[in-house]
Protein backbone atom coordinates (compact mmCIF):
# COMPACT_ATOMS: atom_id res chain seq x y z
CA MET A 1 -41.28 -23.62 -7.55
CA LYS A 2 -38.17 -23.65 -5.34
CA LYS A 3 -36.52 -26.14 -7.70
CA ILE A 4 -37.08 -23.85 -10.70
CA VAL A 5 -35.56 -20.87 -8.87
CA LYS A 6 -32.65 -23.03 -7.73
CA TYR A 7 -31.96 -24.32 -11.26
CA GLY A 8 -32.42 -20.82 -12.66
CA ILE A 9 -29.77 -19.46 -10.31
CA ILE A 10 -27.38 -22.30 -11.20
CA VAL A 11 -27.89 -21.76 -14.95
CA PHE A 12 -27.44 -18.00 -14.52
CA PHE A 13 -24.23 -18.59 -12.53
CA PHE A 14 -22.77 -20.86 -15.23
CA LEU A 15 -23.76 -18.43 -17.99
CA LEU A 16 -22.08 -15.60 -16.11
CA ILE A 17 -18.88 -17.62 -15.66
CA GLY A 18 -18.95 -18.59 -19.35
CA PHE A 19 -19.39 -14.97 -20.39
CA MET A 20 -16.52 -13.83 -18.16
CA LEU A 21 -14.22 -16.57 -19.48
CA ALA A 22 -15.07 -15.74 -23.09
CA ARG A 23 -14.42 -12.05 -22.50
CA THR A 24 -11.10 -12.75 -20.75
CA PHE A 25 -10.01 -15.02 -23.61
CA LYS A 26 -10.99 -12.36 -26.17
CA GLU A 27 -9.00 -9.66 -24.32
CA PHE A 28 -5.97 -11.96 -24.03
CA LYS A 29 -6.13 -12.77 -27.74
CA LEU A 30 -6.44 -9.07 -28.64
CA LYS A 31 -3.48 -8.12 -26.46
CA LYS A 32 -1.36 -10.88 -27.98
CA GLU A 33 -2.38 -9.71 -31.47
CA ARG A 34 -1.40 -6.14 -30.61
CA GLN A 35 1.96 -7.31 -29.29
CA THR A 36 2.61 -9.14 -32.56
CA ASN A 37 1.55 -6.07 -34.56
CA ILE A 38 4.09 -3.81 -32.84
CA GLU A 39 7.12 -6.05 -33.29
CA VAL A 40 7.81 -3.80 -36.29
CA LEU A 41 7.12 -0.05 -36.09
CA PRO A 42 3.40 0.01 -36.93
CA ASP A 43 1.71 1.79 -39.79
CA VAL A 44 -0.43 4.21 -37.75
CA ILE A 45 -1.29 7.86 -38.25
CA PHE A 46 -1.05 10.58 -35.60
CA TYR A 47 -1.11 14.37 -35.98
CA SER A 48 1.54 17.03 -35.54
CA LEU A 49 0.64 20.09 -33.49
CA ASP A 50 -0.26 21.97 -36.69
CA GLY A 51 -2.75 19.22 -37.63
CA THR A 52 -0.67 17.50 -40.32
CA GLU A 53 -1.07 13.71 -40.55
CA VAL A 54 2.09 11.85 -39.59
CA ASN A 55 2.61 8.11 -40.10
CA LEU A 56 4.99 6.35 -37.71
CA ARG A 57 6.33 4.29 -40.62
CA ASP A 58 7.61 7.49 -42.27
CA TYR A 59 10.28 8.00 -39.62
CA ASN A 60 13.67 6.90 -40.82
CA SER A 61 16.13 7.59 -38.05
CA GLU A 62 19.82 6.81 -38.25
CA ASN A 63 19.68 4.63 -35.15
CA GLY A 64 16.01 4.16 -34.33
CA THR A 65 12.93 5.67 -32.74
CA ILE A 66 11.93 6.25 -29.13
CA ILE A 67 8.19 6.59 -28.55
CA LEU A 68 6.90 8.00 -25.27
CA PHE A 69 3.14 7.96 -24.78
CA PHE A 70 2.22 10.56 -22.16
CA ASN A 71 -0.67 12.30 -20.48
CA MET A 72 -0.37 15.97 -19.53
CA VAL A 73 -1.93 15.50 -16.07
CA CYS A 74 0.40 12.62 -15.18
CA GLY A 75 3.26 13.48 -12.82
CA SER A 76 5.26 10.43 -13.91
CA CYS A 77 4.87 11.50 -17.54
CA GLN A 78 6.19 14.96 -16.75
CA TYR A 79 9.18 13.40 -14.98
CA GLN A 80 9.80 11.10 -17.95
CA ILE A 81 9.72 13.95 -20.46
CA LYS A 82 12.17 15.95 -18.32
CA GLU A 83 14.50 12.93 -18.10
CA ILE A 84 14.46 12.52 -21.87
CA THR A 85 14.87 16.21 -22.75
CA GLN A 86 17.68 16.73 -20.22
CA ASN A 87 19.53 13.70 -21.58
CA SER A 88 18.67 14.03 -25.27
CA ASN A 89 22.36 14.39 -26.14
CA LYS A 90 22.76 10.76 -25.01
CA THR A 91 20.05 9.29 -27.25
CA ASN A 92 22.46 8.31 -30.03
CA ASN A 93 20.59 10.17 -32.79
CA TYR A 94 17.35 8.36 -32.12
CA GLN A 95 14.18 10.13 -33.26
CA ILE A 96 12.09 10.82 -30.14
CA LEU A 97 8.32 10.94 -30.53
CA LEU A 98 6.18 12.22 -27.68
CA ILE A 99 2.59 11.13 -28.27
CA THR A 100 -0.42 12.31 -26.28
CA SER A 101 -4.15 11.74 -26.58
CA SER A 102 -4.88 15.32 -25.50
CA SER A 103 -7.25 17.03 -27.92
CA SER A 104 -5.96 20.61 -27.63
CA ALA A 105 -2.87 21.42 -29.68
CA LYS A 106 -2.48 24.73 -27.87
CA GLU A 107 -2.50 23.06 -24.44
CA VAL A 108 0.03 20.46 -25.61
CA GLU A 109 2.23 23.19 -27.07
CA ASN A 110 2.14 25.20 -23.82
CA TYR A 111 2.87 22.07 -21.79
CA CYS A 112 5.85 21.19 -23.99
CA MET A 113 7.16 24.76 -23.86
CA GLU A 114 7.16 24.61 -20.05
CA LEU A 115 9.25 21.42 -20.23
CA ASN A 116 11.66 22.82 -22.89
CA VAL A 117 10.72 20.05 -25.30
CA PHE A 118 11.08 22.28 -28.36
CA SER A 119 14.72 23.05 -27.51
CA VAL A 120 15.63 19.48 -28.51
CA ASP A 121 16.12 18.92 -32.25
CA ASN A 122 15.34 15.20 -32.38
CA ILE A 123 12.00 15.41 -30.52
CA GLU A 124 8.64 15.66 -32.24
CA VAL A 125 5.33 15.97 -30.44
CA LEU A 126 2.33 14.15 -31.91
CA MET A 127 -1.33 14.03 -30.98
CA ASP A 128 -3.49 10.94 -30.96
CA LYS A 129 -6.85 12.53 -31.81
CA ASP A 130 -8.35 9.23 -32.96
CA PHE A 131 -7.18 7.18 -29.95
CA LYS A 132 -5.19 4.84 -32.19
CA PHE A 133 -2.34 4.41 -29.73
CA GLU A 134 -4.35 2.27 -27.34
CA LYS A 135 -5.82 0.32 -30.26
CA THR A 136 -2.36 -0.35 -31.70
CA PHE A 137 -0.05 -0.76 -28.72
CA PRO A 138 -0.80 -3.36 -26.02
CA ASN A 139 0.46 -1.16 -23.18
CA SER A 140 -1.05 2.28 -23.44
CA VAL A 141 -1.06 3.41 -19.82
CA ALA A 142 0.99 6.59 -19.61
CA PRO A 143 3.89 6.81 -19.38
CA VAL A 144 5.00 4.00 -21.62
CA ILE A 145 8.15 3.88 -23.73
CA TYR A 146 8.76 1.84 -26.88
CA ILE A 147 12.21 1.76 -28.47
CA TYR A 148 12.64 0.63 -32.07
CA ASP A 149 16.01 0.01 -33.71
CA ARG A 150 17.08 1.43 -37.08
CA PHE A 151 15.46 -1.55 -38.81
CA ARG A 152 12.14 -0.58 -37.15
CA LYS A 153 12.15 -3.70 -34.97
CA LEU A 154 10.91 -3.42 -31.39
CA LYS A 155 13.94 -3.42 -29.15
CA TRP A 156 12.60 -2.53 -25.70
CA THR A 157 9.49 -1.39 -23.88
CA HIS A 158 8.82 -0.05 -20.42
CA MET A 159 5.63 0.98 -18.69
CA GLY A 160 5.88 3.53 -15.88
CA GLU A 161 8.44 6.02 -14.63
CA ILE A 162 12.10 5.16 -15.17
CA LYS A 163 15.48 6.87 -14.89
CA PHE A 164 17.20 7.82 -18.12
CA SER A 165 20.17 5.55 -17.31
CA ALA A 166 17.89 2.53 -17.84
CA ILE A 167 16.70 3.94 -21.18
CA GLN A 168 20.32 4.58 -22.18
CA THR A 169 21.19 0.96 -21.35
CA ALA A 170 18.36 -0.16 -23.65
CA LEU A 171 19.65 2.10 -26.43
CA ASN A 172 23.12 0.52 -26.36
């Protein structure tokens, strides 16, 4: 009886390790796939604050596109939005997209009004109602910045809070 329990525990242990390894490999493969899929500005739909569908591929900026994924309760995100809005004149005509997974357009609008986002011409605020950002982009922990050049090729990415001078360096 003790032998059966002993072998059962050993088999269970190896099955558990096998399951964990398979899951880790699957997650690694998925992340690598996502990274490959974003090398060019992806074909993904978000929503404007008025509910209109907006496809990222429809943006055709003179110099490129800056995407900032943010969360309204994140202090680092608020800092990042302030850095971008206060330095928007230095973004070299890039289209700036602020994307949030918040579900309330009114709350997002009020939040952006407090941060003077709407005073900047080249900023558009989009909502990710369907949670496609995290399914499309490998790094979706707010704040995260993706910069695409005018040919829609991924130029630079950064996860976390950062001074605008570093973003400006990436733009040049």
